[in-house]
PDB file of N, CA and C in Angstrom:
ATOM      1  N   UNK A   1      -7.313  94.324 -14.740  1.00  0.00           N
ATOM      2  CA  UNK A   1      -6.815  93.883 -15.843  1.00  0.00           C
ATOM      3  C   UNK A   1      -7.603  92.696 -16.146  1.00  0.00           C
ATOM      4  N   UNK A   2      -8.648  92.647 -15.414  1.00  0.00           N
ATOM      5  CA  UNK A   2     -10.046  91.166 -15.801  1.00  0.00           C
ATOM      6  C   UNK A   2     -10.662  92.537 -17.224  1.00  0.00           C
ATOM      7  N   UNK A   3     -11.121  93.713 -16.654  1.00  0.00           N
ATOM      8  CA  UNK A   3     -11.750  94.114 -17.872  1.00  0.00           C
ATOM      9  C   UNK A   3     -11.141  94.560 -19.446  1.00  0.00           C
ATOM     10  N   UNK A   4     -10.162  94.906 -19.063  1.00  0.00           N
ATOM     11  CA  UNK A   4      -9.620  94.901 -20.429  1.00  0.00           C
ATOM     12  C   UNK A   4      -8.568  93.822 -20.896  1.00  0.00           C
ATOM     13  N   UNK A   5      -8.905  92.156 -20.144  1.00  0.00           N
ATOM     14  CA  UNK A   5      -7.903  91.589 -21.157  1.00  0.00           C
ATOM     15  C   UNK A   5      -7.040  91.479 -20.680  1.00  0.00           C
ATOM     16  N   UNK A   6      -6.400  92.051 -20.013  1.00  0.00           N
ATOM     17  CA  UNK A   6      -4.428  92.115 -19.907  1.00  0.00           C
ATOM     18  C   UNK A   6      -4.344  90.787 -18.709  1.00  0.00           C
ATOM     19  N   UNK A   7      -5.307  90.290 -18.018  1.00  0.00           N
ATOM     20  CA  UNK A   7      -5.130  89.250 -16.811  1.00  0.00           C
ATOM     21  C   UNK A   7      -5.118  87.626 -18.280  1.00  0.00           C
ATOM     22  N   UNK A   8      -5.328  87.701 -19.838  1.00  0.00           N
ATOM     23  CA  UNK A   8      -5.264  86.587 -20.430  1.00  0.00           C
ATOM     24  C   UNK A   8      -3.714  87.063 -21.299  1.00  0.00           C
ATOM     25  N   UNK A   9      -3.708  88.130 -21.736  1.00  0.00           N
ATOM     26  CA  UNK A   9      -2.515  88.552 -22.307  1.00  0.00           C
ATOM     27  C   UNK A   9      -0.626  88.461 -21.741  1.00  0.00           C
ATOM     28  N   UNK A  10      -0.917  89.347 -20.466  1.00  0.00           N
ATOM     29  CA  UNK A  10       0.097  89.432 -19.977  1.00  0.00           C
ATOM     30  C   UNK A  10       0.942  88.582 -19.790  1.00  0.00           C
ATOM     31  N   UNK A  11       0.453  86.763 -19.001  1.00  0.00           N
ATOM     32  CA  UNK A  11       0.950  85.493 -18.659  1.00  0.00           C
ATOM     33  C   UNK A  11       1.387  84.719 -20.236  1.00  0.00           C
ATOM     34  N   UNK A  12       0.686  85.691 -21.732  1.00  0.00           N
ATOM     35  CA  UNK A  12       1.352  84.728 -22.526  1.00  0.00           C
ATOM     36  C   UNK A  12       2.182  85.000 -22.936  1.00  0.00           C
ATOM     37  N   UNK A  13       2.062  86.877 -22.587  1.00  0.00           N
ATOM     38  CA  UNK A  13       3.598  87.577 -23.556  1.00  0.00           C
ATOM     39  C   UNK A  13       4.421  87.662 -22.458  1.00  0.00           C
ATOM     40  N   UNK A  14       4.549  87.543 -21.385  1.00  0.00           N
ATOM     41  CA  UNK A  14       5.618  87.069 -20.357  1.00  0.00           C
ATOM     42  C   UNK A  14       6.124  86.140 -20.739  1.00  0.00           C
ATOM     43  N   UNK A  15       5.357  85.166 -21.042  1.00  0.00           N
ATOM     44  CA  UNK A  15       5.778  82.966 -21.158  1.00  0.00           C
ATOM     45  C   UNK A  15       6.070  83.622 -22.793  1.00  0.00           C
ATOM     46  N   UNK A  16       6.198  83.597 -23.866  1.00  0.00           N
ATOM     47  CA  UNK A  16       7.255  83.590 -24.467  1.00  0.00           C
ATOM     48  C   UNK A  16       8.259  84.776 -25.127  1.00  0.00           C
ATOM     49  N   UNK A  17       8.206  84.970 -23.679  1.00  0.00           N
ATOM     50  CA  UNK A  17       9.623  86.355 -22.993  1.00  0.00           C
ATOM     51  C   UNK A  17       9.307  87.416 -24.404  1.00  0.00           C
ATOM     52  N   UNK A  18       7.888  87.809 -24.626  1.00  0.00           N
ATOM     53  CA  UNK A  18       8.185  88.970 -25.943  1.00  0.00           C
ATOM     54  C   UNK A  18       7.713  90.411 -24.993  1.00  0.00           C
ATOM     55  N   UNK A  19       7.875  90.685 -23.587  1.00  0.00           N
ATOM     56  CA  UNK A  19       7.618  91.466 -22.822  1.00  0.00           C
ATOM     57  C   UNK A  19       7.947  91.859 -21.346  1.00  0.00           C
ATOM     58  N   UNK A  20       8.937  92.909 -21.163  1.00  0.00           N
ATOM     59  CA  UNK A  20       9.025  92.485 -19.643  1.00  0.00           C
ATOM     60  C   UNK A  20       7.918  93.249 -18.649  1.00  0.00           C
ATOM     61  N   UNK A  21       7.164  93.373 -17.979  1.00  0.00           N
ATOM     62  CA  UNK A  21       6.662  93.680 -16.365  1.00  0.00           C
ATOM     63  C   UNK A  21       7.734  93.896 -15.249  1.00  0.00           C
ATOM     64  N   UNK A  22       7.190  95.309 -15.070  1.00  0.00           N
ATOM     65  CA  UNK A  22       7.726  95.869 -13.531  1.00  0.00           C
ATOM     66  C   UNK A  22       6.619  96.329 -13.212  1.00  0.00           C
ATOM     67  N   UNK A  23       6.874  96.448 -12.353  1.00  0.00           N
ATOM     68  CA  UNK A  23       5.142  97.133 -10.831  1.00  0.00           C
ATOM     69  C   UNK A  23       5.962  97.267 -10.030  1.00  0.00           C
ATOM     70  N   UNK A  24       5.377  98.109  -8.922  1.00  0.00           N
ATOM     71  CA  UNK A  24       5.479  98.592  -7.760  1.00  0.00           C
ATOM     72  C   UNK A  24       4.283  98.725  -7.008  1.00  0.00           C
ATOM     73  N   UNK A  25       4.300  98.347  -5.557  1.00  0.00           N
ATOM     74  CA  UNK A  25       3.699  97.968  -4.781  1.00  0.00           C
ATOM     75  C   UNK A  25       2.717  96.866  -5.677  1.00  0.00           C
ATOM     76  N   UNK A  26       1.055  97.335  -5.488  1.00  0.00           N
ATOM     77  CA  UNK A  26       0.090  96.198  -5.991  1.00  0.00           C
ATOM     78  C   UNK A  26       0.300  95.326  -7.778  1.00  0.00           C
ATOM     79  N   UNK A  27       1.395  96.512  -8.337  1.00  0.00           N
ATOM     80  CA  UNK A  27       1.788  96.250  -9.203  1.00  0.00           C
ATOM     81  C   UNK A  27       2.166  94.408  -9.774  1.00  0.00           C
ATOM     82  N   UNK A  28       2.989  94.255  -8.727  1.00  0.00           N
ATOM     83  CA  UNK A  28       3.633  92.614  -8.689  1.00  0.00           C
ATOM     84  C   UNK A  28       2.741  91.923  -7.533  1.00  0.00           C
ATOM     85  N   UNK A  29       2.264  92.204  -7.075  1.00  0.00           N
ATOM     86  CA  UNK A  29       0.997  91.268  -6.366  1.00  0.00           C
ATOM     87  C   UNK A  29       0.130  90.750  -7.475  1.00  0.00           C
ATOM     88  N   UNK A  30       0.180  91.303  -8.131  1.00  0.00           N
ATOM     89  CA  UNK A  30      -0.740  90.751  -9.806  1.00  0.00           C
ATOM     90  C   UNK A  30      -0.076  89.019 -10.186  1.00  0.00           C
ATOM     91  N   UNK A  31       0.930  89.346 -10.244  1.00  0.00           N
ATOM     92  CA  UNK A  31       1.557  88.178 -10.684  1.00  0.00           C
ATOM     93  C   UNK A  31       1.351  87.025  -9.492  1.00  0.00           C
ATOM     94  N   UNK A  32       1.077  87.022  -8.673  1.00  0.00           N
ATOM     95  CA  UNK A  32       0.906  85.972  -7.656  1.00  0.00           C
ATOM     96  C   UNK A  32      -0.226  84.851  -8.144  1.00  0.00           C
ATOM     97  N   UNK A  33       0.213  84.163  -7.452  1.00  0.00           N
ATOM     98  CA  UNK A  33      -1.371  82.645  -7.778  1.00  0.00           C
ATOM     99  C   UNK A  33      -2.535  82.847  -7.178  1.00  0.00           C
ATOM    100  N   UNK A  34      -2.562  83.727  -5.890  1.00  0.00           N
ATOM    101  CA  UNK A  34      -3.728  84.745  -5.305  1.00  0.00           C
ATOM    102  C   UNK A  34      -3.600  85.958  -5.094  1.00  0.00           C
ATOM    103  N   UNK A  35      -4.297  86.695  -5.291  1.00  0.00           N
ATOM    104  CA  UNK A  35      -4.780  88.116  -4.353  1.00  0.00           C
ATOM    105  C   UNK A  35      -4.829  87.988  -2.713  1.00  0.00           C
ATOM    106  N   UNK A  36      -5.323  86.794  -2.591  1.00  0.00           N
ATOM    107  CA  UNK A  36      -6.234  86.425  -0.503  1.00  0.00           C
ATOM    108  C   UNK A  36      -5.014  86.858  -0.214  1.00  0.00           C
ATOM    109  N   UNK A  37      -5.232  87.058   1.178  1.00  0.00           N
ATOM    110  CA  UNK A  37      -4.962  88.064   1.597  1.00  0.00           C
ATOM    111  C   UNK A  37      -4.784  89.667   1.768  1.00  0.00           C
ATOM    112  N   UNK A  38      -4.520  89.743   0.645  1.00  0.00           N
ATOM    113  CA  UNK A  38      -5.017  91.505   0.386  1.00  0.00           C
ATOM    114  C   UNK A  38      -5.640  92.046   1.400  1.00  0.00           C
ATOM    115  N   UNK A  39      -7.001  91.592   1.344  1.00  0.00           N
ATOM    116  CA  UNK A  39      -7.886  92.311   1.258  1.00  0.00           C
ATOM    117  C   UNK A  39      -7.708  92.564   3.422  1.00  0.00           C
ATOM    118  N   UNK A  40      -6.180  92.116   3.598  1.00  0.00           N
ATOM    119  CA  UNK A  40      -6.140  92.623   4.923  1.00  0.00           C
ATOM    120  C   UNK A  40      -5.773  94.516   4.733  1.00  0.00           C
ATOM    121  N   UNK A  41      -5.402  94.631   3.558  1.00  0.00           N
ATOM    122  CA  UNK A  41      -5.297  96.069   3.358  1.00  0.00           C
ATOM    123  C   UNK A  41      -5.789  97.068   2.802  1.00  0.00           C
ATOM    124  N   UNK A  42      -6.242  96.508   1.906  1.00  0.00           N
ATOM    125  CA  UNK A  42      -6.881  96.828   1.070  1.00  0.00           C
ATOM    126  C   UNK A  42      -8.556  97.181   1.242  1.00  0.00           C
ATOM    127  N   UNK A  43      -9.295  97.894   0.786  1.00  0.00           N
ATOM    128  CA  UNK A  43     -10.541  97.951   0.275  1.00  0.00           C
ATOM    129  C   UNK A  43     -11.388  97.042  -0.382  1.00  0.00           C
ATOM    130  N   UNK A  44     -11.786  95.819  -0.211  1.00  0.00           N
ATOM    131  CA  UNK A  44     -12.470  95.035  -1.558  1.00  0.00           C
ATOM    132  C   UNK A  44     -13.970  95.549  -1.286  1.00  0.00           C
ATOM    133  N   UNK A  45     -14.308  96.596  -1.182  1.00  0.00           N
ATOM    134  CA  UNK A  45     -15.829  96.715  -1.317  1.00  0.00           C
ATOM    135  C   UNK A  45     -15.887  97.818  -2.448  1.00  0.00           C
ATOM    136  N   UNK A  46     -14.710  98.327  -2.275  1.00  0.00           N
ATOM    137  CA  UNK A  46     -14.149  99.611  -3.432  1.00  0.00           C
ATOM    138  C   UNK A  46     -14.299  98.197  -5.138  1.00  0.00           C
ATOM    139  N   UNK A  47     -14.336  97.098  -5.323  1.00  0.00           N
ATOM    140  CA  UNK A  47     -15.033  97.222  -6.514  1.00  0.00           C
ATOM    141  C   UNK A  47     -16.758  96.172  -6.491  1.00  0.00           C
ATOM    142  N   UNK A  48     -16.922  96.340  -4.550  1.00  0.00           N
ATOM    143  CA  UNK A  48     -18.123  95.981  -5.623  1.00  0.00           C
ATOM    144  C   UNK A  48     -18.954  97.203  -5.893  1.00  0.00           C
ATOM    145  N   UNK A  49     -18.613  98.126  -4.887  1.00  0.00           N
ATOM    146  CA  UNK A  49     -19.308  99.376  -5.052  1.00  0.00           C
ATOM    147  C   UNK A  49     -18.907 100.225  -6.931  1.00  0.00           C
ATOM    148  N   UNK A  50     -18.125 100.021  -7.404  1.00  0.00           N
ATOM    149  CA  UNK A  50     -17.943 100.420  -8.702  1.00  0.00           C
ATOM    150  C   UNK A  50     -17.921  99.938 -10.054  1.00  0.00           C
ATOM    151  N   UNK A  51     -18.012  98.300  -9.250  1.00  0.00           N
ATOM    152  CA  UNK A  51     -17.708  96.994 -11.002  1.00  0.00           C
ATOM    153  C   UNK A  51     -19.240  96.733 -10.351  1.00  0.00           C
ATOM    154  N   UNK A  52     -19.486  96.731  -9.087  1.00  0.00           N
ATOM    155  CA  UNK A  52     -20.963  95.898  -9.260  1.00  0.00           C
ATOM    156  C   UNK A  52     -21.122  94.402  -9.162  1.00  0.00           C
ATOM    157  N   UNK A  53     -19.240  93.668  -9.274  1.00  0.00           N
ATOM    158  CA  UNK A  53     -19.196  92.681  -8.792  1.00  0.00           C
ATOM    159  C   UNK A  53     -18.678  92.303  -7.681  1.00  0.00           C
ATOM    160  N   UNK A  54     -17.866  91.175  -7.459  1.00  0.00           N
ATOM    161  CA  UNK A  54     -16.840  90.340  -6.404  1.00  0.00           C
ATOM    162  C   UNK A  54     -15.919  90.624  -6.991  1.00  0.00           C
ATOM    163  N   UNK A  55     -14.522  90.841  -6.103  1.00  0.00           N
ATOM    164  CA  UNK A  55     -13.233  90.544  -6.404  1.00  0.00           C
ATOM    165  C   UNK A  55     -12.801  89.069  -7.125  1.00  0.00           C
ATOM    166  N   UNK A  56     -12.073  89.742  -8.133  1.00  0.00           N
ATOM    167  CA  UNK A  56     -11.627  88.515  -8.491  1.00  0.00           C
ATOM    168  C   UNK A  56     -10.284  88.196  -7.730  1.00  0.00           C
ATOM    169  N   UNK A  57     -10.502  87.141  -6.957  1.00  0.00           N
ATOM    170  CA  UNK A  57      -9.419  86.621  -6.418  1.00  0.00           C
ATOM    171  C   UNK A  57      -7.869  85.822  -6.453  1.00  0.00           C
ATOM    172  N   UNK A  58      -8.129  85.346  -8.047  1.00  0.00           N
ATOM    173  CA  UNK A  58      -7.487  84.764  -8.995  1.00  0.00           C
ATOM    174  C   UNK A  58      -5.914  85.581  -9.435  1.00  0.00           C
ATOM    175  N   UNK A  59      -5.352  85.840  -9.311  1.00  0.00           N
ATOM    176  CA  UNK A  59      -3.983  85.805  -9.422  1.00  0.00           C
ATOM    177  C   UNK A  59      -3.149  86.066 -10.612  1.00  0.00           C
ATOM    178  N   UNK A  60      -2.199  86.304 -11.279  1.00  0.00           N
ATOM    179  CA  UNK A  60      -2.066  85.907 -12.994  1.00  0.00           C
ATOM    180  C   UNK A  60      -1.126  84.863 -12.711  1.00  0.00           C
ATOM    181  N   UNK A  61      -0.709  84.111 -11.939  1.00  0.00           N
ATOM    182  CA  UNK A  61      -0.481  82.968 -11.625  1.00  0.00           C
ATOM    183  C   UNK A  61       1.549  82.490 -11.959  1.00  0.00           C
ATOM    184  N   UNK A  62       2.324  84.139 -12.708  1.00  0.00           N
ATOM    185  CA  UNK A  62       2.937  83.947 -13.164  1.00  0.00           C
ATOM    186  C   UNK A  62       4.302  83.431 -12.573  1.00  0.00           C
ATOM    187  N   UNK A  63       4.084  83.561 -11.010  1.00  0.00           N
ATOM    188  CA  UNK A  63       5.429  83.986 -10.323  1.00  0.00           C
ATOM    189  C   UNK A  63       4.489  82.801  -9.572  1.00  0.00           C
ATOM    190  N   UNK A  64       4.971  82.006  -8.159  1.00  0.00           N
ATOM    191  CA  UNK A  64       4.528  80.727  -7.532  1.00  0.00           C
ATOM    192  C   UNK A  64       4.173  81.180  -6.088  1.00  0.00           C
ATOM    193  N   UNK A  65       4.973  83.146  -5.604  1.00  0.00           N
ATOM    194  CA  UNK A  65       4.818  83.184  -4.494  1.00  0.00           C
ATOM    195  C   UNK A  65       3.977  84.511  -4.438  1.00  0.00           C
ATOM    196  N   UNK A  66       3.271  84.484  -3.135  1.00  0.00           N
ATOM    197  CA  UNK A  66       2.464  85.973  -2.991  1.00  0.00           C
ATOM    198  C   UNK A  66       3.255  87.292  -2.482  1.00  0.00           C
ATOM    199  N   UNK A  67       3.577  88.310  -2.724  1.00  0.00           N
ATOM    200  CA  UNK A  67       4.233  89.159  -2.791  1.00  0.00           C
ATOM    201  C   UNK A  67       3.761  90.976  -1.884  1.00  0.00           C
ATOM    202  N   UNK A  68       4.630  90.755  -1.205  1.00  0.00           N
ATOM    203  CA  UNK A  68       4.175  91.820   0.245  1.00  0.00           C
ATOM    204  C   UNK A  68       5.122  93.332   0.196  1.00  0.00           C
ATOM    205  N   UNK A  69       4.774  94.283  -0.631  1.00  0.00           N
ATOM    206  CA  UNK A  69       5.690  94.997  -0.716  1.00  0.00           C
ATOM    207  C   UNK A  69       5.555  96.201   0.922  1.00  0.00           C
ATOM    208  N   UNK A  70       6.516  97.282   0.473  1.00  0.00           N
ATOM    209  CA  UNK A  70       5.900  97.965   1.780  1.00  0.00           C
ATOM    210  C   UNK A  70       6.502  97.394   3.084  1.00  0.00           C
ATOM    211  N   UNK A  71       6.841  96.326   3.397  1.00  0.00           N
ATOM    212  CA  UNK A  71       7.357  96.259   4.652  1.00  0.00           C
ATOM    213  C   UNK A  71       8.695  96.780   5.216  1.00  0.00           C
ATOM    214  N   UNK A  72       8.654  97.195   6.673  1.00  0.00           N
ATOM    215  CA  UNK A  72       9.803  98.251   7.133  1.00  0.00           C
ATOM    216  C   UNK A  72       9.849  98.811   6.335  1.00  0.00           C
ATOM    217  N   UNK A  73       9.344  99.987   6.062  1.00  0.00           N
ATOM    218  CA  UNK A  73       9.626 101.044   4.570  1.00  0.00           C
ATOM    219  C   UNK A  73       9.210 102.420   5.941  1.00  0.00           C
ATOM    220  N   UNK A  74      10.128 103.068   6.471  1.00  0.00           N
ATOM    221  CA  UNK A  74       9.111 104.055   7.429  1.00  0.00           C
ATOM    222  C   UNK A  74       9.621 104.790   6.754  1.00  0.00           C
ATOM    223  N   UNK A  75       8.054 105.147   6.761  1.00  0.00           N
ATOM    224  CA  UNK A  75       7.121 106.756   6.103  1.00  0.00           C
ATOM    225  C   UNK A  75       6.447 105.705   5.049  1.00  0.00           C
ATOM    226  N   UNK A  76       6.552 105.308   4.918  1.00  0.00           N
ATOM    227  CA  UNK A  76       5.759 104.306   3.786  1.00  0.00           C
ATOM    228  C   UNK A  76       3.956 104.355   4.864  1.00  0.00           C
ATOM    229  N   UNK A  77       2.996 105.076   4.345  1.00  0.00           N
ATOM    230  CA  UNK A  77       1.282 104.567   4.386  1.00  0.00           C
ATOM    231  C   UNK A  77       1.063 103.012   4.867  1.00  0.00           C
ATOM    232  N   UNK A  78       1.533 101.991   4.313  1.00  0.00           N
ATOM    233  CA  UNK A  78       0.931 100.941   4.163  1.00  0.00           C
ATOM    234  C   UNK A  78       1.938  99.915   5.054  1.00  0.00           C
ATOM    235  N   UNK A  79       3.526 100.785   5.567  1.00  0.00           N
ATOM    236  CA  UNK A  79       3.903  99.884   6.103  1.00  0.00           C
ATOM    237  C   UNK A  79       3.147  98.937   7.130  1.00  0.00           C
ATOM    238  N   UNK A  80       2.371  99.642   7.947  1.00  0.00           N
ATOM    239  CA  UNK A  80       1.938  98.969   9.325  1.00  0.00           C
ATOM    240  C   UNK A  80       0.315  97.382   9.236  1.00  0.00           C
ATOM    241  N   UNK A  81      -0.189  98.359   7.438  1.00  0.00           N
ATOM    242  CA  UNK A  81      -1.641  97.652   6.946  1.00  0.00           C
ATOM    243  C   UNK A  81      -1.139  95.855   6.325  1.00  0.00           C
ATOM    244  N   UNK A  82       0.310  96.167   6.030  1.00  0.00           N
ATOM    245  CA  UNK A  82       1.198  94.686   5.213  1.00  0.00           C
ATOM    246  C   UNK A  82       1.479  94.022   6.171  1.00  0.00           C
ATOM    247  N   UNK A  83       1.715  94.442   7.447  1.00  0.00           N
ATOM    248  CA  UNK A  83       2.250  93.400   8.504  1.00  0.00           C
ATOM    249  C   UNK A  83       1.342  92.167   9.076  1.00  0.00           C
ATOM    250  N   UNK A  84       0.744  92.682   8.806  1.00  0.00           N
ATOM    251  CA  UNK A  84      -1.083  91.539   8.983  1.00  0.00           C
ATOM    252  C   UNK A  84      -0.735  90.371   7.934  1.00  0.00           C
ATOM    253  N   UNK A  85      -0.853  90.798   6.564  1.00  0.00           N
ATOM    254  CA  UNK A  85      -1.034  90.546   5.616  1.00  0.00           C
ATOM    255  C   UNK A  85       0.572  88.981   5.584  1.00  0.00           C
ATOM    256  N   UNK A  86       1.648  89.600   6.198  1.00  0.00           N
ATOM    257  CA  UNK A  86       2.721  89.039   5.810  1.00  0.00           C
ATOM    258  C   UNK A  86       2.625  87.933   7.171  1.00  0.00           C
ATOM    259  N   UNK A  87       1.882  88.462   8.054  1.00  0.00           N
ATOM    260  CA  UNK A  87       2.042  87.346   8.968  1.00  0.00           C
ATOM    261  C   UNK A  87       0.850  85.709   8.875  1.00  0.00           C
ATOM    262  N   UNK A  88      -0.366  86.908   7.719  1.00  0.00           N
ATOM    263  CA  UNK A  88      -1.298  85.650   7.694  1.00  0.00           C
ATOM    264  C   UNK A  88      -0.935  84.403   6.837  1.00  0.00           C
ATOM    265  N   UNK A  89       0.118  84.636   5.992  1.00  0.00           N
ATOM    266  CA  UNK A  89       0.887  83.912   4.838  1.00  0.00           C
ATOM    267  C   UNK A  89       1.742  83.625   5.821  1.00  0.00           C
ATOM    268  N   UNK A  90       2.485  83.946   6.188  1.00  0.00           N
ATOM    269  CA  UNK A  90       3.316  82.968   7.715  1.00  0.00           C
ATOM    270  C   UNK A  90       2.694  81.524   7.751  1.00  0.00           C
ATOM    271  N   UNK A  91       1.977  81.907   8.739  1.00  0.00           N
ATOM    272  CA  UNK A  91       0.881  81.540   9.620  1.00  0.00           C
ATOM    273  C   UNK A  91      -0.015  79.708   8.959  1.00  0.00           C
ATOM    274  N   UNK A  92      -0.104  80.841   7.260  1.00  0.00           N
ATOM    275  CA  UNK A  92      -0.680  79.354   6.211  1.00  0.00           C
ATOM    276  C   UNK A  92       0.347  78.949   5.761  1.00  0.00           C
ATOM    277  N   UNK A  93       1.046  79.192   5.553  1.00  0.00           N
ATOM    278  CA  UNK A  93       2.478  78.108   4.766  1.00  0.00           C
ATOM    279  C   UNK A  93       2.859  78.816   3.326  1.00  0.00           C
ATOM    280  N   UNK A  94       1.565  79.519   3.054  1.00  0.00           N
ATOM    281  CA  UNK A  94       2.071  80.545   1.539  1.00  0.00           C
ATOM    282  C   UNK A  94       3.019  81.131   1.595  1.00  0.00           C
ATOM    283  N   UNK A  95       3.701  80.434   0.271  1.00  0.00           N
ATOM    284  CA  UNK A  95       5.379  81.009  -0.106  1.00  0.00           C
ATOM    285  C   UNK A  95       5.006  82.181  -0.555  1.00  0.00           C
ATOM    286  N   UNK A  96       5.526  83.682   0.246  1.00  0.00           N
ATOM    287  CA  UNK A  96       5.583  84.958   0.082  1.00  0.00           C
ATOM    288  C   UNK A  96       6.613  85.784  -0.287  1.00  0.00           C
ATOM    289  N   UNK A  97       7.053  87.129  -1.024  1.00  0.00           N
ATOM    290  CA  UNK A  97       8.407  87.379  -0.871  1.00  0.00           C
ATOM    291  C   UNK A  97       8.041  88.546  -0.152  1.00  0.00           C
ATOM    292  N   UNK A  98       8.788  89.355   0.592  1.00  0.00           N
ATOM    293  CA  UNK A  98       8.458  90.030   2.026  1.00  0.00           C
ATOM    294  C   UNK A  98       9.369  90.823   1.162  1.00  0.00           C
ATOM    295  N   UNK A  99       9.071  92.035   0.700  1.00  0.00           N
ATOM    296  CA  UNK A  99       9.684  92.944   0.188  1.00  0.00           C
ATOM    297  C   UNK A  99       9.356  94.498   0.673  1.00  0.00           C
ATOM    298  N   UNK A 100      10.561  95.126   1.364  1.00  0.00           N
ATOM    299  CA  UNK A 100      11.297  96.515   1.495  1.00  0.00           C
ATOM    300  C   UNK A 100      10.828  97.804   0.191  1.00  0.00           C
ATOM    301  N   UNK A 101      10.763  98.951   0.926  1.00  0.00           N
ATOM    302  CA  UNK A 101      10.700  99.368  -0.706  1.00  0.00           C
ATOM    303  C   UNK A 101      12.441  99.924  -0.922  1.00  0.00           C
ATOM    304  N   UNK A 102      12.281  99.791  -2.216  1.00  0.00           N
ATOM    305  CA  UNK A 102      13.608  99.482  -2.704  1.00  0.00           C
ATOM    306  C   UNK A 102      14.102  98.619  -3.745  1.00  0.00           C
ATOM    307  N   UNK A 103      13.567  97.707  -2.684  1.00  0.00           N
ATOM    308  CA  UNK A 103      14.125  95.871  -3.313  1.00  0.00           C
ATOM    309  C   UNK A 103      13.297  95.666  -4.431  1.00  0.00           C
ATOM    310  N   UNK A 104      13.738  94.903  -5.358  1.00  0.00           N
ATOM    311  CA  UNK A 104      13.257  94.419  -6.695  1.00  0.00           C
ATOM    312  C   UNK A 104      13.577  93.297  -6.463  1.00  0.00           C
ATOM    313  N   UNK A 105      12.459  92.374  -7.591  1.00  0.00           N
ATOM    314  CA  UNK A 105      12.354  91.088  -7.624  1.00  0.00           C
ATOM    315  C   UNK A 105      12.329  90.972  -8.681  1.00  0.00           C
ATOM    316  N   UNK A 106      13.627  90.282  -9.481  1.00  0.00           N
ATOM    317  CA  UNK A 106      14.229  89.871 -11.368  1.00  0.00           C
ATOM    318  C   UNK A 106      13.786  88.500 -10.865  1.00  0.00           C
ATOM    319  N   UNK A 107      12.953  88.425 -12.389  1.00  0.00           N
ATOM    320  CA  UNK A 107      13.201  87.276 -12.565  1.00  0.00           C
ATOM    321  C   UNK A 107      13.537  87.189 -14.480  1.00  0.00           C
ATOM    322  N   UNK A 108      14.473  86.739 -14.654  1.00  0.00           N
ATOM    323  CA  UNK A 108      14.861  85.723 -16.072  1.00  0.00           C
ATOM    324  C   UNK A 108      14.776  84.237 -16.660  1.00  0.00           C
ATOM    325  N   UNK A 109      13.874  84.174 -17.156  1.00  0.00           N
ATOM    326  CA  UNK A 109      13.620  82.823 -17.215  1.00  0.00           C
ATOM    327  C   UNK A 109      13.699  82.048 -15.892  1.00  0.00           C
ATOM    328  N   UNK A 110      14.553  81.281 -16.172  1.00  0.00           N
ATOM    329  CA  UNK A 110      14.073  79.951 -14.340  1.00  0.00           C
ATOM    330  C   UNK A 110      15.087  80.981 -13.404  1.00  0.00           C
ATOM    331  N   UNK A 111      15.837  81.988 -13.823  1.00  0.00           N
ATOM    332  CA  UNK A 111      16.428  82.820 -12.957  1.00  0.00           C
ATOM    333  C   UNK A 111      16.039  83.510 -12.363  1.00  0.00           C
ATOM    334  N   UNK A 112      16.002  83.495 -10.701  1.00  0.00           N
ATOM    335  CA  UNK A 112      14.790  84.407 -10.281  1.00  0.00           C
ATOM    336  C   UNK A 112      15.776  84.864  -8.413  1.00  0.00           C
ATOM    337  N   UNK A 113      15.957  86.753  -8.415  1.00  0.00           N
ATOM    338  CA  UNK A 113      16.838  87.235  -7.408  1.00  0.00           C
ATOM    339  C   UNK A 113      15.897  88.848  -6.995  1.00  0.00           C
ATOM    340  N   UNK A 114      16.107  87.647  -5.504  1.00  0.00           N
ATOM    341  CA  UNK A 114      15.393  89.332  -4.517  1.00  0.00           C
ATOM    342  C   UNK A 114      16.940  90.290  -4.617  1.00  0.00           C
ATOM    343  N   UNK A 115      16.767  91.253  -4.927  1.00  0.00           N
ATOM    344  CA  UNK A 115      17.364  92.266  -4.812  1.00  0.00           C
ATOM    345  C   UNK A 115      17.569  93.397  -3.588  1.00  0.00           C
ATOM    346  N   UNK A 116      17.673  93.030  -2.395  1.00  0.00           N
ATOM    347  CA  UNK A 116      17.792  93.717  -1.407  1.00  0.00           C
ATOM    348  C   UNK A 116      18.528  95.134  -0.555  1.00  0.00           C
ATOM    349  N   UNK A 117      17.646  96.445  -0.921  1.00  0.00           N
ATOM    350  CA  UNK A 117      18.466  97.293  -1.037  1.00  0.00           C
ATOM    351  C   UNK A 117      18.500  97.674   1.050  1.00  0.00           C
ATOM    352  N   UNK A 118      18.211  96.712   1.872  1.00  0.00           N
ATOM    353  CA  UNK A 118      18.193  97.558   3.165  1.00  0.00           C
ATOM    354  C   UNK A 118      19.741  96.618   3.315  1.00  0.00           C
TER     355      UNK A 118
END
């Protein structure tokens, strides 16, 4: 997002209510204030290797909570990898949303709703 400039454009367009953003897995994670904690499940060495740069830990800051996708989602390969992320957020008092596959977090202006399928 940083290389394309989307990290600056998306928050502005969302604030102007000019676009709708939808994502799955890492997509909504980028909306949080920070991406810290996700290194427990994703290899940040890839960023260093492919871009010869350090990862950018700041999220887009569109929402106040961090996302933890795929929790307790039978058959999803990242379910076990993301449990430690949720545990770390809980230990550190980081506000976060725990999502199972099929759940959705809907933000419409000031209205925010977690729609759960489980």
